[in-house]
C-alpha cells in the first residue's frame, strides 16, 4: 500500500502546465500538500462531481492536459461520469483515484472497493483505453507517464493506506479558486 501524500507528491512533481481538479476532502489536502498552484482547481463540495468537472475542462479550450485526483468514495458516487467520459473519449483527461477502501470524510466506513468492487474493471467497461493499478513506489514512473502524457482517457487506481493525515487547507473561497484558475488557464492559451 502507498502513502497517499507521497504518491500525490511524486505524481505531480515537475507537473508543468498540468491542470489538476482535486476531489472533495483528503484528495484536496493531498494536492495542496504537494504544492499550491493556480492550475489547481480545489473542490470543497459537489461530492461525486470531480470527474465531470475535469471532463468539462478537458472539452474546453485550450486543450490542456487535465488530471482529476479524487478518492474512491467520491468516484463511487459519480460512477456514471465514467460512462460519459468513455463515450466522448477526451484524449487529454486522466483520472487518479486514491483508493483507501474507506469513506474518509464521513467516519472511515468501508467503501465498496473493500468488498471487491473493481473500479479498473468499471473503467475498462466504460472504454477507457488506459487503465492501471499502482500499489508500490516502483510503479510511479509508469503512472506519471500515464497521468501526464498518455492518450486518454486514462484511469489510475492508487491503492493507498488507510490513515489520517494532517489537513493542508488551500483557500476555501470558491470564487477566488475559480478566478485564479481561469486566469492561469488564460495565460496558457496565450503561450
Protein backbone atom coordinates (compact mmCIF):
# COMPACT_ATOMS: atom_id res chain seq x y z
CA UNK A 1 0.00 0.00 0.00
CA UNK A 2 1.13 3.50 -0.80
CA UNK A 3 1.45 6.59 1.33
CA UNK A 4 -1.18 8.85 -0.23
CA UNK A 5 0.75 12.09 0.29
CA UNK A 6 3.94 10.64 -1.14
CA UNK A 7 2.03 9.22 -4.09
CA UNK A 8 0.38 12.52 -5.00
CA UNK A 9 3.62 14.46 -4.48
CA UNK A 10 5.55 12.05 -6.73
CA UNK A 11 2.92 12.04 -9.48
CA UNK A 12 2.63 15.84 -9.52
CA UNK A 13 6.39 16.53 -9.41
CA UNK A 14 7.55 18.71 -12.29
CA UNK A 15 3.98 18.96 -13.50
CA UNK A 16 4.46 21.87 -15.88
CA UNK A 17 1.10 23.04 -17.29
CA UNK A 18 -0.93 20.09 -15.98
CA UNK A 19 -4.34 21.29 -14.77
CA UNK A 20 -5.46 19.46 -11.61
CA UNK A 21 -9.00 19.06 -10.30
CA UNK A 22 -8.95 17.70 -6.75
CA UNK A 23 -11.89 15.87 -5.24
CA UNK A 24 -13.65 16.62 -2.00
CA UNK A 25 -11.72 16.21 1.25
CA UNK A 26 -8.44 14.32 1.53
CA UNK A 27 -7.55 14.48 -2.20
CA UNK A 28 -7.71 18.29 -1.97
CA UNK A 29 -5.49 18.22 1.12
CA UNK A 30 -3.06 15.91 -0.72
CA UNK A 31 -2.86 18.13 -3.80
CA UNK A 32 -2.39 21.23 -1.61
CA UNK A 33 0.37 19.45 0.33
CA UNK A 34 2.14 18.67 -2.97
CA UNK A 35 2.36 22.41 -3.64
CA UNK A 36 -0.16 25.09 -4.36
CA UNK A 37 -0.55 26.23 -7.94
CA UNK A 38 -3.04 28.47 -9.72
CA UNK A 39 -3.53 25.46 -12.03
CA UNK A 40 -5.21 23.58 -9.13
CA UNK A 41 -8.99 23.60 -9.04
CA UNK A 42 -9.88 22.59 -5.48
CA UNK A 43 -13.36 21.22 -4.82
CA UNK A 44 -14.95 21.82 -1.45
CA UNK A 45 -18.33 20.38 -2.31
CA UNK A 46 -20.07 18.64 -5.20
CA UNK A 47 -19.43 15.11 -3.89
CA UNK A 48 -19.13 12.83 -6.90
CA UNK A 49 -18.50 15.71 -9.32
CA UNK A 50 -14.70 15.82 -9.69
CA UNK A 51 -14.54 13.57 -12.78
CA UNK A 52 -17.28 15.52 -14.58
CA UNK A 53 -15.70 18.87 -13.75
CA UNK A 54 -12.40 17.58 -15.10
CA UNK A 55 -14.24 16.25 -18.16
CA UNK A 56 -15.75 19.69 -18.77
CA UNK A 57 -12.30 21.29 -18.59
CA UNK A 58 -10.96 18.63 -20.98
CA UNK A 59 -13.55 19.63 -23.58
CA UNK A 60 -12.98 23.38 -23.24
CA UNK A 61 -10.25 25.31 -24.99
CA UNK A 62 -7.34 25.34 -24.63
CA UNK A 63 -6.82 21.61 -24.95
CA UNK A 64 -4.64 21.44 -21.85
CA UNK A 65 -3.88 18.18 -20.06
CA UNK A 66 -6.30 17.59 -17.15
CA UNK A 67 -5.71 15.34 -14.15
CA UNK A 68 -8.54 14.60 -11.76
CA UNK A 69 -7.30 13.40 -8.37
CA UNK A 70 -10.09 12.04 -6.22
CA UNK A 71 -10.93 9.35 -3.70
CA UNK A 72 -12.69 6.03 -4.01
CA UNK A 73 -15.78 7.29 -2.17
CA UNK A 74 -16.27 10.24 -4.50
CA UNK A 75 -15.57 8.16 -7.60
CA UNK A 76 -18.07 5.53 -6.47
CA UNK A 77 -20.66 8.27 -6.04
CA UNK A 78 -20.04 9.53 -9.58
CA UNK A 79 -19.63 6.24 -11.48
CA UNK A 80 -21.95 7.42 -14.25
CA UNK A 81 -19.34 10.00 -15.18
CA UNK A 82 -17.03 7.20 -16.35
CA UNK A 83 -19.62 6.11 -18.93
CA UNK A 84 -19.97 9.65 -20.28
CA UNK A 85 -16.19 10.09 -20.42
CA UNK A 86 -15.90 6.70 -22.15
CA UNK A 87 -18.37 7.72 -24.83
CA UNK A 88 -16.69 11.07 -25.53
CA UNK A 89 -13.07 9.79 -25.25
CA UNK A 90 -11.26 13.02 -24.27
CA UNK A 91 -7.62 12.30 -25.06
CA UNK A 92 -6.34 14.95 -22.60
CA UNK A 93 -8.03 13.60 -19.44
CA UNK A 94 -6.60 11.36 -16.73
CA UNK A 95 -8.31 10.30 -13.50
CA UNK A 96 -6.33 9.19 -10.47
CA UNK A 97 -8.37 7.53 -7.72
CA UNK A 98 -6.74 7.34 -4.29
CA UNK A 99 -8.36 4.15 -3.01
CA UNK A 100 -8.06 3.59 0.74
CA UNK A 101 -11.23 1.44 0.67
CA UNK A 102 -12.98 3.79 3.10
CA UNK A 103 -15.19 6.87 3.17
CA UNK A 104 -12.68 9.08 4.93
CA UNK A 105 -14.76 12.22 5.20
CA UNK A 106 -17.70 10.59 6.97
CA UNK A 107 -16.05 8.38 9.59
CA UNK A 108 -13.96 5.75 7.77
CA UNK A 109 -16.80 3.40 6.92
CA UNK A 110 -15.79 0.67 4.47
CA UNK A 111 -16.34 1.66 0.84
CA UNK A 112 -17.49 -0.70 -1.88
CA UNK A 113 -13.92 -1.33 -3.05
CA UNK A 114 -13.23 -3.06 0.26
CA UNK A 115 -15.93 -5.55 -0.73
CA UNK A 116 -14.42 -6.27 -4.14
CA UNK A 117 -15.99 -3.68 -6.43
CA UNK A 118 -13.47 -3.37 -9.27
CA UNK A 119 -13.11 0.25 -10.39
CA UNK A 120 -10.49 -0.72 -13.00
CA UNK A 121 -12.99 -3.20 -14.44
CA UNK A 122 -15.66 -0.48 -14.50
CA UNK A 123 -13.29 1.93 -16.28
CA UNK A 124 -12.43 -0.77 -18.83
CA UNK A 125 -16.13 -1.47 -19.39
CA UNK A 126 -16.56 2.28 -19.98
CA UNK A 127 -13.93 2.07 -22.77
CA UNK A 128 -11.02 3.79 -21.05
CA UNK A 129 -8.10 2.79 -23.30
CA UNK A 130 -5.55 3.12 -20.47
CA UNK A 131 -6.17 1.68 -17.00
CA UNK A 132 -3.58 0.94 -14.37
CA UNK A 133 -3.42 -0.01 -10.68
CA UNK A 134 -0.48 1.07 -8.57
CA UNK A 135 0.42 -0.15 -5.10
CA UNK A 136 4.23 0.27 -5.00
CA UNK A 137 6.53 3.25 -5.43
CA UNK A 138 8.33 1.38 -8.22
CA UNK A 139 5.17 1.92 -10.32
CA UNK A 140 5.30 5.74 -10.07
CA UNK A 141 7.26 6.23 -13.30
CA UNK A 142 4.62 4.48 -15.41
CA UNK A 143 1.78 6.17 -13.51
CA UNK A 144 3.41 9.60 -14.07
CA UNK A 145 3.65 8.90 -17.79
CA UNK A 146 0.01 7.89 -17.94
CA UNK A 147 -1.12 10.88 -15.87
CA UNK A 148 0.95 13.46 -17.74
CA UNK A 149 1.08 12.34 -21.34
CA UNK A 150 -0.73 9.14 -22.30
CA UNK A 151 -3.58 9.35 -24.79
CA UNK A 152 -6.72 9.31 -22.72
CA UNK A 153 -8.99 8.92 -21.17
CA UNK A 154 -6.76 7.34 -18.53
CA UNK A 155 -7.87 5.75 -15.26
CA UNK A 156 -5.36 5.03 -12.49
CA UNK A 157 -6.28 3.42 -9.19
CA UNK A 158 -3.68 4.02 -6.48
CA UNK A 159 -4.02 1.63 -3.56
CA UNK A 160 -3.21 3.81 -0.56
CA UNK A 161 -3.06 3.08 3.15
CA UNK A 162 -6.00 3.93 5.36
CA UNK A 163 -4.54 6.68 7.50
CA UNK A 164 -5.36 10.06 8.95
CA UNK A 165 -3.01 12.69 7.59
CA UNK A 166 -2.72 16.33 8.58
CA UNK A 167 -5.01 18.59 6.60
CA UNK A 168 -3.31 21.08 4.33
CA UNK A 169 -6.06 23.54 3.60
CA UNK A 170 -5.97 25.69 0.49
CA UNK A 171 -8.35 28.59 0.07
CA UNK A 172 -11.99 27.75 0.69
CA UNK A 173 -13.16 30.78 -1.29
CA UNK A 174 -14.79 29.22 -4.35
CA UNK A 175 -14.81 32.47 -6.30
CA UNK A 176 -11.11 33.04 -5.60
CA UNK A 177 -10.25 29.47 -6.66
CA UNK A 178 -12.27 29.84 -9.87
CA UNK A 179 -10.83 33.23 -10.84
CA UNK A 180 -7.25 32.21 -10.08
CA UNK A 181 -7.67 29.03 -12.13
CA UNK A 182 -9.29 30.80 -15.09
CA UNK A 183 -6.57 33.45 -15.15
CA UNK A 184 -3.86 30.77 -15.12
CA UNK A 185 -5.57 28.85 -17.93
CA UNK A 186 -5.94 32.06 -19.96
CA UNK A 187 -2.16 32.58 -19.69
CA UNK A 188 -1.60 29.04 -21.02
CA UNK A 189 -3.81 29.89 -24.01
CA UNK A 190 -1.62 32.93 -24.80
CA UNK A 191 1.62 30.97 -24.87
